[in-house]
Amino acid sequence: MTTETLIATEQQFNHVLAFEVSKAKLHVHILPGGETSEVTNDRAIIRKLIKKEIKRNAKLGVGPLLVVCEATGTYSNDIIACTAEFGVACHRAHGSRVRAFAKFRGTHAKSDPIDVRLIADYATASRNLELHRPPRPAQAELRELVGRRTELRQALEAEQARVEHVASKLVVASLRGHIRVLEKLVAEIDRRIETLMREDEEFHRKGSLMRSVKSVGPVTAATVLAYLPEIGTVSRGTIAALAGLAPYDRDSGEGKGQRHISGGRAEARSGLYMAARNAMTWNEHLAALARRVEAKGKPFKVQVTAVMRKLLVILNAVVASGVPCRTETAGRVRIAAA
């Protein structure tokens, strides 16, 4: 699942401009018509293709145009930007769903021309596609800052661990010098995140509400806002699924399989993990939940996952209600799915 804000639609699209994306090239397939071509991954060329299909769409009378591509990191950024510029619906297809569609179709061969036709067919055959909505500039910056902070923290912890295992004075000095540099960089990122969270009205409001929940600090609040911008606007089940904290049944016939979480945004889960660990000690409501799960004989990782899910549900409810947390009622707020 991509980390952009998504909006669901029940629209089924009959006019599709599909892209198979690589660093240098784009394979293009258009429906209706079935025209396939290869072009350079260049913004000017992408704009020209979209403008051409917008003009064609007005004559086709088959409903709105959809631009679709697989979620392939930053190489699709120009496509996304151009769809936003022209106000065209855009869907970034999850790779595993497209492959599942290929299996359903009995398509085993794989090449860029085959894949782009498959992506186009997947888009026309699907309902309830999640359409991309570009994040606000502040949202995009916060996500980059939080992501960079995570990278720097990982590097810092790795260097700190290495110090314990070396004897050379030169290596120790090198490691400690690098640690000081990394600490300064983390502090710079933290100051910018703090400023952004204070000066952006939406971040300030939502962050303050989330921090009213015991065990949720500024880092957790910033991480949730960075990777789950839907917080407070969707149902408790949807927000859990977006974070990959919704357990799915594995039952067949009379057999009852073990339920497991699947998919979702790993960055959001990572940000919630330490908050959940703290909550298991300091938040009476969530600590009691962990004890109840433990009493059922569940392993520690299941206890933590249950607390993470409940914590996220409470955060979603608090932001939705606009009322600071009251432990005894926060988890009971219900809102309709967006």
C-alpha atoms as a PDB file:
ATOM      1  CA  MET A   1       0.000   0.000   0.000  1.00  0.00           C
ATOM      2  CA  THR A   2       1.296   3.441  -0.929  1.00  0.00           C
ATOM      3  CA  THR A   3       1.613   6.130   1.650  1.00  0.00           C
ATOM      4  CA  GLU A   4      -0.304   8.861  -0.199  1.00  0.00           C
ATOM      5  CA  THR A   5      -3.739   9.872   0.981  1.00  0.00           C
ATOM      6  CA  LEU A   6      -6.291   7.713  -0.824  1.00  0.00           C
ATOM      7  CA  ILE A   7      -9.936   8.259  -1.702  1.00  0.00           C
ATOM      8  CA  ALA A   8     -12.180   5.340  -2.568  1.00  0.00           C
ATOM      9  CA  THR A   9     -14.476   5.409  -5.594  1.00  0.00           C
ATOM     10  CA  GLU A  10     -17.119   2.988  -6.841  1.00  0.00           C
ATOM     11  CA  GLN A  11     -16.631   4.276 -10.393  1.00  0.00           C
ATOM     12  CA  GLN A  12     -15.696   1.660 -12.990  1.00  0.00           C
ATOM     13  CA  PHE A  13     -13.431   3.141 -15.647  1.00  0.00           C
ATOM     14  CA  ASN A  14     -13.728   2.326 -19.350  1.00  0.00           C
ATOM     15  CA  HIS A  15     -11.135   4.799 -20.652  1.00  0.00           C
ATOM     16  CA  VAL A  16      -7.692   3.945 -19.264  1.00  0.00           C
ATOM     17  CA  LEU A  17      -4.187   5.247 -19.912  1.00  0.00           C
ATOM     18  CA  ALA A  18      -1.842   2.657 -18.382  1.00  0.00           C
ATOM     19  CA  PHE A  19       1.901   2.944 -17.744  1.00  0.00           C
ATOM     20  CA  GLU A  20       4.504   0.277 -16.986  1.00  0.00           C
ATOM     21  CA  VAL A  21       7.215   2.335 -15.314  1.00  0.00           C
ATOM     22  CA  SER A  22      10.995   1.990 -15.296  1.00  0.00           C
ATOM     23  CA  LYS A  23      13.741   4.521 -14.658  1.00  0.00           C
ATOM     24  CA  ALA A  24      14.317   5.487 -18.290  1.00  0.00           C
ATOM     25  CA  LYS A  25      11.326   4.115 -20.226  1.00  0.00           C
ATOM     26  CA  LEU A  26       7.562   3.934 -20.045  1.00  0.00           C
ATOM     27  CA  HIS A  27       5.456   1.312 -21.780  1.00  0.00           C
ATOM     28  CA  VAL A  28       2.017   2.740 -22.526  1.00  0.00           C
ATOM     29  CA  HIS A  29      -1.279   0.978 -23.252  1.00  0.00           C
ATOM     30  CA  ILE A  30      -4.580   2.733 -23.974  1.00  0.00           C
ATOM     31  CA  LEU A  31      -8.103   1.377 -23.670  1.00  0.00           C
ATOM     32  CA  PRO A  32     -10.349   1.480 -25.597  1.00  0.00           C
ATOM     33  CA  GLY A  33      -8.293   0.969 -28.702  1.00  0.00           C
ATOM     34  CA  GLY A  34      -5.541  -1.283 -27.433  1.00  0.00           C
ATOM     35  CA  GLU A  35      -2.696   0.940 -28.653  1.00  0.00           C
ATOM     36  CA  THR A  36       0.688   0.056 -27.075  1.00  0.00           C
ATOM     37  CA  SER A  37       3.874   2.115 -27.316  1.00  0.00           C
ATOM     38  CA  GLU A  38       7.198   2.777 -25.624  1.00  0.00           C
ATOM     39  CA  VAL A  39       8.321   6.295 -24.697  1.00  0.00           C
ATOM     40  CA  THR A  40      10.973   8.011 -22.623  1.00  0.00           C
ATOM     41  CA  ASN A  41      10.135   8.580 -18.957  1.00  0.00           C
ATOM     42  CA  ASP A  42       9.961  12.325 -19.409  1.00  0.00           C
ATOM     43  CA  ARG A  43       7.456  14.766 -17.906  1.00  0.00           C
ATOM     44  CA  ALA A  44       6.848  16.653 -21.151  1.00  0.00           C
ATOM     45  CA  ILE A  45       6.018  13.416 -22.981  1.00  0.00           C
ATOM     46  CA  ILE A  46       3.704  12.302 -20.158  1.00  0.00           C
ATOM     47  CA  ARG A  47       1.862  15.651 -20.255  1.00  0.00           C
ATOM     48  CA  LYS A  48       1.414  15.307 -24.021  1.00  0.00           C
ATOM     49  CA  LEU A  49      -0.031  11.785 -23.677  1.00  0.00           C
ATOM     50  CA  ILE A  50      -2.478  12.796 -20.955  1.00  0.00           C
ATOM     51  CA  LYS A  51      -3.608  15.916 -22.833  1.00  0.00           C
ATOM     52  CA  LYS A  52      -4.210  13.807 -25.938  1.00  0.00           C
ATOM     53  CA  GLU A  53      -6.373  11.321 -23.993  1.00  0.00           C
ATOM     54  CA  ILE A  54      -8.305  14.134 -22.266  1.00  0.00           C
ATOM     55  CA  LYS A  55      -9.298  15.481 -25.710  1.00  0.00           C
ATOM     56  CA  ARG A  56     -10.136  11.964 -26.895  1.00  0.00           C
ATOM     57  CA  ASN A  57     -12.191  11.296 -23.767  1.00  0.00           C
ATOM     58  CA  ALA A  58     -14.545  14.157 -24.578  1.00  0.00           C
ATOM     59  CA  LYS A  59     -15.428  12.393 -27.853  1.00  0.00           C
ATOM     60  CA  LEU A  60     -15.624   8.807 -26.578  1.00  0.00           C
ATOM     61  CA  GLY A  61     -18.537   9.237 -24.184  1.00  0.00           C
ATOM     62  CA  VAL A  62     -17.481   6.268 -22.048  1.00  0.00           C
ATOM     63  CA  GLY A  63     -17.051   8.043 -18.734  1.00  0.00           C
ATOM     64  CA  PRO A  64     -14.008   9.642 -17.086  1.00  0.00           C
ATOM     65  CA  LEU A  65     -10.384   8.949 -17.928  1.00  0.00           C
ATOM     66  CA  LEU A  66      -8.221   6.978 -15.491  1.00  0.00           C
ATOM     67  CA  VAL A  67      -4.427   7.034 -15.489  1.00  0.00           C
ATOM     68  CA  VAL A  68      -2.978   3.910 -13.865  1.00  0.00           C
ATOM     69  CA  CYS A  69       0.506   2.655 -13.125  1.00  0.00           C
ATOM     70  CA  GLU A  70       2.084   0.246 -10.681  1.00  0.00           C
ATOM     71  CA  ALA A  71       3.450   1.672  -7.432  1.00  0.00           C
ATOM     72  CA  THR A  72       7.149   1.678  -8.319  1.00  0.00           C
ATOM     73  CA  GLY A  73       8.709   4.237  -5.999  1.00  0.00           C
ATOM     74  CA  THR A  74       9.775   7.636  -7.278  1.00  0.00           C
ATOM     75  CA  TYR A  75       9.977   6.730 -10.994  1.00  0.00           C
ATOM     76  CA  SER A  76       6.242   7.316 -11.326  1.00  0.00           C
ATOM     77  CA  ASN A  77       6.347  10.777  -9.692  1.00  0.00           C
ATOM     78  CA  ASP A  78       6.024  12.668 -12.980  1.00  0.00           C
ATOM     79  CA  ILE A  79       2.949  10.635 -13.914  1.00  0.00           C
ATOM     80  CA  ILE A  80       1.353  11.388 -10.550  1.00  0.00           C
ATOM     81  CA  ALA A  81       2.223  15.078 -10.798  1.00  0.00           C
ATOM     82  CA  CYS A  82       0.757  15.390 -14.294  1.00  0.00           C
ATOM     83  CA  THR A  83      -2.532  13.751 -13.291  1.00  0.00           C
ATOM     84  CA  ALA A  84      -2.811  16.228 -10.430  1.00  0.00           C
ATOM     85  CA  GLU A  85      -2.040  19.115 -12.797  1.00  0.00           C
ATOM     86  CA  PHE A  86      -4.844  18.115 -15.184  1.00  0.00           C
ATOM     87  CA  GLY A  87      -7.268  16.907 -12.509  1.00  0.00           C
ATOM     88  CA  VAL A  88      -7.396  13.386 -13.929  1.00  0.00           C
ATOM     89  CA  ALA A  89      -8.232  10.345 -11.792  1.00  0.00           C
ATOM     90  CA  CYS A  90      -5.117   8.320 -10.949  1.00  0.00           C
ATOM     91  CA  HIS A  91      -4.628   4.891  -9.408  1.00  0.00           C
ATOM     92  CA  ARG A  92      -1.321   3.366  -8.338  1.00  0.00           C
ATOM     93  CA  ALA A  93      -1.884  -0.377  -8.625  1.00  0.00           C
ATOM     94  CA  HIS A  94      -0.441  -2.671  -5.977  1.00  0.00           C
ATOM     95  CA  GLY A  95       1.971  -5.070  -7.677  1.00  0.00           C
ATOM     96  CA  SER A  96       0.723  -8.183  -5.882  1.00  0.00           C
ATOM     97  CA  ARG A  97      -2.869  -7.436  -6.890  1.00  0.00           C
ATOM     98  CA  VAL A  98      -1.879  -7.074 -10.524  1.00  0.00           C
ATOM     99  CA  ARG A  99      -0.009 -10.402 -10.369  1.00  0.00           C
ATOM    100  CA  ALA A 100      -3.040 -12.040  -8.738  1.00  0.00           C
ATOM    101  CA  PHE A 101      -5.142 -10.674 -11.607  1.00  0.00           C
ATOM    102  CA  ALA A 102      -2.621 -12.189 -14.064  1.00  0.00           C
ATOM    103  CA  LYS A 103      -2.989 -15.584 -12.395  1.00  0.00           C
ATOM    104  CA  PHE A 104      -6.773 -15.247 -12.544  1.00  0.00           C
ATOM    105  CA  ARG A 105      -6.455 -14.541 -16.262  1.00  0.00           C
ATOM    106  CA  GLY A 106      -4.063 -17.464 -16.720  1.00  0.00           C
ATOM    107  CA  THR A 107      -1.270 -15.147 -17.858  1.00  0.00           C
ATOM    108  CA  HIS A 108       2.119 -16.620 -16.941  1.00  0.00           C
ATOM    109  CA  ALA A 109       4.456 -14.743 -19.297  1.00  0.00           C
ATOM    110  CA  LYS A 110       5.955 -11.495 -18.031  1.00  0.00           C
ATOM    111  CA  SER A 111       7.471  -8.624 -19.996  1.00  0.00           C
ATOM    112  CA  ASP A 112       6.930  -4.872 -20.002  1.00  0.00           C
ATOM    113  CA  PRO A 113       4.539  -4.891 -23.019  1.00  0.00           C
ATOM    114  CA  ILE A 114       2.571  -7.769 -21.468  1.00  0.00           C
ATOM    115  CA  ASP A 115       2.533  -6.099 -18.040  1.00  0.00           C
ATOM    116  CA  VAL A 116       1.245  -2.759 -19.291  1.00  0.00           C
ATOM    117  CA  ARG A 117      -1.666  -4.452 -21.083  1.00  0.00           C
ATOM    118  CA  LEU A 118      -2.352  -6.395 -17.908  1.00  0.00           C
ATOM    119  CA  ILE A 119      -2.380  -3.193 -15.825  1.00  0.00           C
ATOM    120  CA  ALA A 120      -4.858  -1.590 -18.230  1.00  0.00           C
ATOM    121  CA  ASP A 121      -7.147  -4.644 -18.155  1.00  0.00           C
ATOM    122  CA  TYR A 122      -6.906  -4.780 -14.352  1.00  0.00           C
ATOM    123  CA  ALA A 123      -8.013  -1.138 -14.141  1.00  0.00           C
ATOM    124  CA  THR A 124     -11.022  -1.592 -16.447  1.00  0.00           C
ATOM    125  CA  ALA A 125     -12.111  -4.793 -14.692  1.00  0.00           C
ATOM    126  CA  SER A 126     -11.866  -3.409 -11.131  1.00  0.00           C
ATOM    127  CA  ARG A 127     -14.355  -1.556  -8.986  1.00  0.00           C
ATOM    128  CA  ASN A 128     -13.656   0.359  -5.775  1.00  0.00           C
ATOM    129  CA  LEU A 129     -10.207   1.464  -6.916  1.00  0.00           C
ATOM    130  CA  GLU A 130      -8.421   3.763  -4.502  1.00  0.00           C
ATOM    131  CA  LEU A 131      -7.604   7.005  -6.270  1.00  0.00           C
ATOM    132  CA  HIS A 132      -4.461   8.902  -5.500  1.00  0.00           C
ATOM    133  CA  ARG A 133      -4.812  12.337  -3.926  1.00  0.00           C
ATOM    134  CA  PRO A 134      -1.571  14.342  -3.801  1.00  0.00           C
ATOM    135  CA  PRO A 135      -0.510  15.170  -0.235  1.00  0.00           C
ATOM    136  CA  ARG A 136      -0.334  18.756   0.973  1.00  0.00           C
ATOM    137  CA  PRO A 137       3.203  20.213   0.793  1.00  0.00           C
ATOM    138  CA  ALA A 138       3.445  20.095   4.592  1.00  0.00           C
ATOM    139  CA  GLN A 139       2.314  16.456   4.530  1.00  0.00           C
ATOM    140  CA  ALA A 140       4.954  15.536   1.970  1.00  0.00           C
ATOM    141  CA  GLU A 141       7.668  17.334   3.942  1.00  0.00           C
ATOM    142  CA  LEU A 142       6.669  15.681   7.215  1.00  0.00           C
ATOM    143  CA  ARG A 143       6.812  12.242   5.601  1.00  0.00           C
ATOM    144  CA  GLU A 144      10.293  12.920   4.247  1.00  0.00           C
ATOM    145  CA  LEU A 145      11.488  14.264   7.591  1.00  0.00           C
ATOM    146  CA  VAL A 146      10.140  11.325   9.571  1.00  0.00           C
ATOM    147  CA  GLY A 147      11.582   8.885   7.049  1.00  0.00           C
ATOM    148  CA  ARG A 148      14.990  10.538   7.206  1.00  0.00           C
ATOM    149  CA  ARG A 149      14.886  10.604  11.008  1.00  0.00           C
ATOM    150  CA  THR A 150      14.275   6.854  11.007  1.00  0.00           C
ATOM    151  CA  GLU A 151      17.244   6.274   8.696  1.00  0.00           C
ATOM    152  CA  LEU A 152      19.532   8.416  10.846  1.00  0.00           C
ATOM    153  CA  ARG A 153      18.389   6.722  14.063  1.00  0.00           C
ATOM    154  CA  GLN A 154      19.101   3.305  12.565  1.00  0.00           C
ATOM    155  CA  ALA A 155      22.578   4.410  11.508  1.00  0.00           C
ATOM    156  CA  LEU A 156      23.185   5.944  14.950  1.00  0.00           C
ATOM    157  CA  GLU A 157      22.143   2.786  16.801  1.00  0.00           C
ATOM    158  CA  ALA A 158      24.348   0.673  14.528  1.00  0.00           C
ATOM    159  CA  GLU A 159      27.402   2.852  15.224  1.00  0.00           C
ATOM    160  CA  GLN A 160      26.709   2.844  18.963  1.00  0.00           C
ATOM    161  CA  ALA A 161      26.558  -0.963  18.898  1.00  0.00           C
ATOM    162  CA  ARG A 162      29.885  -1.176  17.042  1.00  0.00           C
ATOM    163  CA  VAL A 163      31.754   0.840  19.686  1.00  0.00           C
ATOM    164  CA  GLU A 164      31.379  -2.025  22.156  1.00  0.00           C
ATOM    165  CA  HIS A 165      33.141  -4.493  19.865  1.00  0.00           C
ATOM    166  CA  VAL A 166      36.315  -2.710  18.750  1.00  0.00           C
ATOM    167  CA  ALA A 167      39.646  -2.157  20.523  1.00  0.00           C
ATOM    168  CA  SER A 168      41.502   0.082  18.082  1.00  0.00           C
ATOM    169  CA  LYS A 169      41.671   3.641  19.416  1.00  0.00           C
ATOM    170  CA  LEU A 170      41.506   5.002  15.884  1.00  0.00           C
ATOM    171  CA  VAL A 171      38.363   3.013  15.071  1.00  0.00           C
ATOM    172  CA  VAL A 172      36.745   3.988  18.389  1.00  0.00           C
ATOM    173  CA  ALA A 173      37.500   7.663  17.688  1.00  0.00           C
ATOM    174  CA  SER A 174      36.079   7.335  14.182  1.00  0.00           C
ATOM    175  CA  LEU A 175      32.910   5.717  15.479  1.00  0.00           C
ATOM    176  CA  ARG A 176      32.403   8.296  18.216  1.00  0.00           C
ATOM    177  CA  GLY A 177      32.997  11.131  15.782  1.00  0.00           C
ATOM    178  CA  HIS A 178      30.387   9.687  13.426  1.00  0.00           C
ATOM    179  CA  ILE A 179      28.000   9.233  16.347  1.00  0.00           C
ATOM    180  CA  ARG A 180      28.289  12.920  17.230  1.00  0.00           C
ATOM    181  CA  VAL A 181      27.593  13.889  13.619  1.00  0.00           C
ATOM    182  CA  LEU A 182      24.544  11.627  13.477  1.00  0.00           C
ATOM    183  CA  GLU A 183      23.241  12.985  16.788  1.00  0.00           C
ATOM    184  CA  LYS A 184      23.460  16.522  15.433  1.00  0.00           C
ATOM    185  CA  LEU A 185      21.646  15.541  12.256  1.00  0.00           C
ATOM    186  CA  VAL A 186      18.869  13.841  14.241  1.00  0.00           C
ATOM    187  CA  ALA A 187      18.550  16.948  16.419  1.00  0.00           C
ATOM    188  CA  GLU A 188      18.220  19.141  13.293  1.00  0.00           C
ATOM    189  CA  ILE A 189      15.485  16.897  11.916  1.00  0.00           C
ATOM    190  CA  ASP A 190      13.709  16.890  15.292  1.00  0.00           C
ATOM    191  CA  ARG A 191      13.725  20.690  15.423  1.00  0.00           C
ATOM    192  CA  ARG A 192      12.227  20.946  11.930  1.00  0.00           C
ATOM    193  CA  ILE A 193       9.549  18.352  12.759  1.00  0.00           C
ATOM    194  CA  GLU A 194       8.709  20.238  15.956  1.00  0.00           C
ATOM    195  CA  THR A 195       8.416  23.506  14.027  1.00  0.00           C
ATOM    196  CA  LEU A 196       6.232  21.924  11.333  1.00  0.00           C
ATOM    197  CA  MET A 197       3.986  20.297  13.922  1.00  0.00           C
ATOM    198  CA  ARG A 198       3.592  23.629  15.705  1.00  0.00           C
ATOM    199  CA  GLU A 199       3.109  25.937  12.716  1.00  0.00           C
ATOM    200  CA  ASP A 200       0.846  23.775  10.530  1.00  0.00           C
ATOM    201  CA  GLU A 201      -2.698  24.178  11.837  1.00  0.00           C
ATOM    202  CA  GLU A 202      -3.848  20.640  10.981  1.00  0.00           C
ATOM    203  CA  PHE A 203      -0.755  18.980  12.404  1.00  0.00           C
ATOM    204  CA  HIS A 204      -0.952  21.087  15.560  1.00  0.00           C
ATOM    205  CA  ARG A 205      -4.601  20.210  16.166  1.00  0.00           C
ATOM    206  CA  LYS A 206      -4.302  16.502  15.459  1.00  0.00           C
ATOM    207  CA  GLY A 207      -0.945  16.171  17.181  1.00  0.00           C
ATOM    208  CA  SER A 208      -2.242  17.814  20.355  1.00  0.00           C
ATOM    209  CA  LEU A 209      -5.235  15.474  20.407  1.00  0.00           C
ATOM    210  CA  MET A 210      -3.073  12.396  19.919  1.00  0.00           C
ATOM    211  CA  ARG A 211      -0.620  13.435  22.620  1.00  0.00           C
ATOM    212  CA  SER A 212      -3.491  13.540  25.096  1.00  0.00           C
ATOM    213  CA  VAL A 213      -3.334   9.732  25.006  1.00  0.00           C
ATOM    214  CA  LYS A 214      -0.939   8.473  27.670  1.00  0.00           C
ATOM    215  CA  SER A 215       2.257   6.935  26.183  1.00  0.00           C
ATOM    216  CA  VAL A 216       1.969   8.893  22.896  1.00  0.00           C
ATOM    217  CA  GLY A 217       4.743  11.423  22.470  1.00  0.00           C
ATOM    218  CA  PRO A 218       5.744  13.858  19.734  1.00  0.00           C
ATOM    219  CA  VAL A 219       7.650  11.263  17.676  1.00  0.00           C
ATOM    220  CA  THR A 220       4.702   8.853  17.594  1.00  0.00           C
ATOM    221  CA  ALA A 221       2.264  11.663  16.760  1.00  0.00           C
ATOM    222  CA  ALA A 222       4.486  12.891  13.907  1.00  0.00           C
ATOM    223  CA  THR A 223       4.929   9.352  12.559  1.00  0.00           C
ATOM    224  CA  VAL A 224       1.194   8.636  12.543  1.00  0.00           C
ATOM    225  CA  LEU A 225       0.474  11.952  10.811  1.00  0.00           C
ATOM    226  CA  ALA A 226       3.242  11.304   8.277  1.00  0.00           C
ATOM    227  CA  TYR A 227       2.190   7.793   7.274  1.00  0.00           C
ATOM    228  CA  LEU A 228      -1.519   7.711   8.150  1.00  0.00           C
ATOM    229  CA  PRO A 229      -2.911  11.056   6.977  1.00  0.00           C
ATOM    230  CA  GLU A 230      -6.371   9.434   6.955  1.00  0.00           C
ATOM    231  CA  ILE A 231      -6.359   9.373  10.774  1.00  0.00           C
ATOM    232  CA  GLY A 232      -9.686  10.578  12.149  1.00  0.00           C
ATOM    233  CA  THR A 233     -11.520  10.411   8.803  1.00  0.00           C
ATOM    234  CA  VAL A 234     -12.044   6.647   8.405  1.00  0.00           C
ATOM    235  CA  SER A 235     -13.516   3.860  10.513  1.00  0.00           C
ATOM    236  CA  ARG A 236     -11.573   1.952  13.161  1.00  0.00           C
ATOM    237  CA  GLY A 237     -11.387  -1.119  10.908  1.00  0.00           C
ATOM    238  CA  THR A 238     -10.087   0.885   7.959  1.00  0.00           C
ATOM    239  CA  ILE A 239      -7.370   2.678   9.937  1.00  0.00           C
ATOM    240  CA  ALA A 240      -6.209  -0.659  11.389  1.00  0.00           C
ATOM    241  CA  ALA A 241      -6.085  -2.182   7.900  1.00  0.00           C
ATOM    242  CA  LEU A 242      -4.130   0.789   6.508  1.00  0.00           C
ATOM    243  CA  ALA A 243      -1.505   0.265   9.210  1.00  0.00           C
ATOM    244  CA  GLY A 244      -1.454  -3.493   8.642  1.00  0.00           C
ATOM    245  CA  LEU A 245      -2.860  -4.190  12.116  1.00  0.00           C
ATOM    246  CA  ALA A 246      -6.114  -5.884  11.103  1.00  0.00           C
ATOM    247  CA  PRO A 247      -6.009  -9.666  11.704  1.00  0.00           C
ATOM    248  CA  TYR A 248      -7.471 -11.729   8.870  1.00  0.00           C
ATOM    249  CA  ASP A 249      -9.269 -15.075   9.189  1.00  0.00           C
ATOM    250  CA  ARG A 250      -7.627 -18.245   7.882  1.00  0.00           C
ATOM    251  CA  ASP A 251     -10.594 -20.616   8.117  1.00  0.00           C
ATOM    252  CA  SER A 252     -11.601 -23.379   5.707  1.00  0.00           C
ATOM    253  CA  GLY A 253     -14.482 -25.780   6.213  1.00  0.00           C
ATOM    254  CA  GLU A 254     -14.466 -26.901   9.830  1.00  0.00           C
ATOM    255  CA  GLY A 255     -10.829 -25.900  10.262  1.00  0.00           C
ATOM    256  CA  LYS A 256     -10.088 -22.712  12.148  1.00  0.00           C
ATOM    257  CA  GLY A 257      -6.740 -21.248  11.136  1.00  0.00           C
ATOM    258  CA  GLN A 258      -4.647 -18.800  13.089  1.00  0.00           C
ATOM    259  CA  ARG A 259      -5.425 -15.161  12.338  1.00  0.00           C
ATOM    260  CA  HIS A 260      -2.556 -12.992  11.114  1.00  0.00           C
ATOM    261  CA  ILE A 261      -2.051  -9.350  10.254  1.00  0.00           C
ATOM    262  CA  SER A 262      -1.069  -8.671   6.665  1.00  0.00           C
ATOM    263  CA  GLY A 263      -0.058  -5.805   4.375  1.00  0.00           C
ATOM    264  CA  GLY A 264      -0.447  -2.182   5.392  1.00  0.00           C
ATOM    265  CA  ARG A 265       2.123   0.525   5.983  1.00  0.00           C
ATOM    266  CA  ALA A 266       5.147  -0.855   7.771  1.00  0.00           C
ATOM    267  CA  GLU A 267       6.458   2.638   8.628  1.00  0.00           C
ATOM    268  CA  ALA A 268       3.317   3.386  10.597  1.00  0.00           C
ATOM    269  CA  ARG A 269       3.570   0.087  12.509  1.00  0.00           C
ATOM    270  CA  SER A 270       7.193   0.789  13.378  1.00  0.00           C
ATOM    271  CA  GLY A 271       6.222   4.188  14.771  1.00  0.00           C
ATOM    272  CA  LEU A 272       3.465   2.662  16.891  1.00  0.00           C
ATOM    273  CA  TYR A 273       5.603  -0.164  18.265  1.00  0.00           C
ATOM    274  CA  MET A 274       7.577   1.749  20.897  1.00  0.00           C
ATOM    275  CA  ALA A 275       4.482   3.691  21.939  1.00  0.00           C
ATOM    276  CA  ALA A 276       2.692   0.368  22.439  1.00  0.00           C
ATOM    277  CA  ARG A 277       5.596  -0.996  24.494  1.00  0.00           C
ATOM    278  CA  ASN A 278       5.477   2.083  26.721  1.00  0.00           C
ATOM    279  CA  ALA A 279       1.698   1.819  26.961  1.00  0.00           C
ATOM    280  CA  MET A 280       1.981  -1.740  28.238  1.00  0.00           C
ATOM    281  CA  THR A 281       3.773  -0.309  31.272  1.00  0.00           C
ATOM    282  CA  TRP A 282       2.360   3.176  31.787  1.00  0.00           C
ATOM    283  CA  ASN A 283      -1.125   3.235  30.257  1.00  0.00           C
ATOM    284  CA  GLU A 284      -3.470   1.416  32.655  1.00  0.00           C
ATOM    285  CA  HIS A 285      -6.156   0.828  30.011  1.00  0.00           C
ATOM    286  CA  LEU A 286      -3.771  -0.702  27.464  1.00  0.00           C
ATOM    287  CA  ALA A 287      -1.714  -2.562  30.063  1.00  0.00           C
ATOM    288  CA  ALA A 288      -4.928  -4.288  31.163  1.00  0.00           C
ATOM    289  CA  LEU A 289      -5.605  -5.253  27.541  1.00  0.00           C
ATOM    290  CA  ALA A 290      -2.122  -6.788  27.278  1.00  0.00           C
ATOM    291  CA  ARG A 291      -2.739  -8.805  30.461  1.00  0.00           C
ATOM    292  CA  ARG A 292      -6.043 -10.107  29.119  1.00  0.00           C
ATOM    293  CA  VAL A 293      -4.366 -11.230  25.891  1.00  0.00           C
ATOM    294  CA  GLU A 294      -1.534 -12.841  27.874  1.00  0.00           C
ATOM    295  CA  ALA A 295      -4.070 -14.679  30.057  1.00  0.00           C
ATOM    296  CA  LYS A 296      -5.377 -16.366  26.907  1.00  0.00           C
ATOM    297  CA  GLY A 297      -1.942 -17.883  26.371  1.00  0.00           C
ATOM    298  CA  LYS A 298      -0.978 -15.601  23.479  1.00  0.00           C
ATOM    299  CA  PRO A 299       2.739 -14.900  22.866  1.00  0.00           C
ATOM    300  CA  PHE A 300       4.280 -11.510  23.565  1.00  0.00           C
ATOM    301  CA  LYS A 301       4.235 -10.390  19.917  1.00  0.00           C
ATOM    302  CA  VAL A 302       0.467 -10.944  19.818  1.00  0.00           C
ATOM    303  CA  GLN A 303       0.086  -8.888  22.991  1.00  0.00           C
ATOM    304  CA  VAL A 304       2.062  -6.008  21.463  1.00  0.00           C
ATOM    305  CA  THR A 305       0.091  -6.199  18.208  1.00  0.00           C
ATOM    306  CA  ALA A 306      -3.207  -6.081  20.108  1.00  0.00           C
ATOM    307  CA  VAL A 307      -2.021  -3.012  22.031  1.00  0.00           C
ATOM    308  CA  MET A 308      -0.790  -1.326  18.833  1.00  0.00           C
ATOM    309  CA  ARG A 309      -4.166  -1.871  17.184  1.00  0.00           C
ATOM    310  CA  LYS A 310      -6.107  -0.603  20.199  1.00  0.00           C
ATOM    311  CA  LEU A 311      -3.822   2.401  20.543  1.00  0.00           C
ATOM    312  CA  LEU A 312      -4.344   3.306  16.881  1.00  0.00           C
ATOM    313  CA  VAL A 313      -8.121   2.902  17.252  1.00  0.00           C
ATOM    314  CA  ILE A 314      -8.053   5.270  20.233  1.00  0.00           C
ATOM    315  CA  LEU A 315      -5.949   7.808  18.311  1.00  0.00           C
ATOM    316  CA  ASN A 316      -8.366   7.606  15.392  1.00  0.00           C
ATOM    317  CA  ALA A 317     -11.329   8.109  17.703  1.00  0.00           C
ATOM    318  CA  VAL A 318      -9.763  11.042  19.545  1.00  0.00           C
ATOM    319  CA  VAL A 319      -8.878  12.857  16.316  1.00  0.00           C
ATOM    320  CA  ALA A 320     -12.341  12.148  14.875  1.00  0.00           C
ATOM    321  CA  SER A 321     -14.128  13.471  17.955  1.00  0.00           C
ATOM    322  CA  GLY A 322     -11.879  16.504  18.404  1.00  0.00           C
ATOM    323  CA  VAL A 323     -11.941  15.870  22.148  1.00  0.00           C
ATOM    324  CA  PRO A 324      -8.779  15.068  24.173  1.00  0.00           C
ATOM    325  CA  CYS A 325      -8.522  11.491  25.368  1.00  0.00           C
ATOM    326  CA  ARG A 326     -10.560  10.143  28.225  1.00  0.00           C
ATOM    327  CA  THR A 327      -9.361   6.574  28.637  1.00  0.00           C
ATOM    328  CA  GLU A 328     -12.725   5.112  29.555  1.00  0.00           C
ATOM    329  CA  THR A 329     -14.470   6.426  26.396  1.00  0.00           C
ATOM    330  CA  ALA A 330     -11.826   7.036  23.726  1.00  0.00           C
ATOM    331  CA  GLY A 331     -11.977   3.555  22.213  1.00  0.00           C
ATOM    332  CA  ARG A 332     -15.760   3.611  21.879  1.00  0.00           C
ATOM    333  CA  VAL A 333     -16.115   6.443  19.377  1.00  0.00           C
ATOM    334  CA  ARG A 334     -17.552   5.278  16.043  1.00  0.00           C
ATOM    335  CA  ILE A 335     -17.352   7.089  12.738  1.00  0.00           C
ATOM    336  CA  ALA A 336     -18.593   6.069   9.328  1.00  0.00           C
ATOM    337  CA  ALA A 337     -16.116   4.722   6.794  1.00  0.00           C
ATOM    338  CA  ALA A 338     -15.027   7.334   4.291  1.00  0.00           C
END
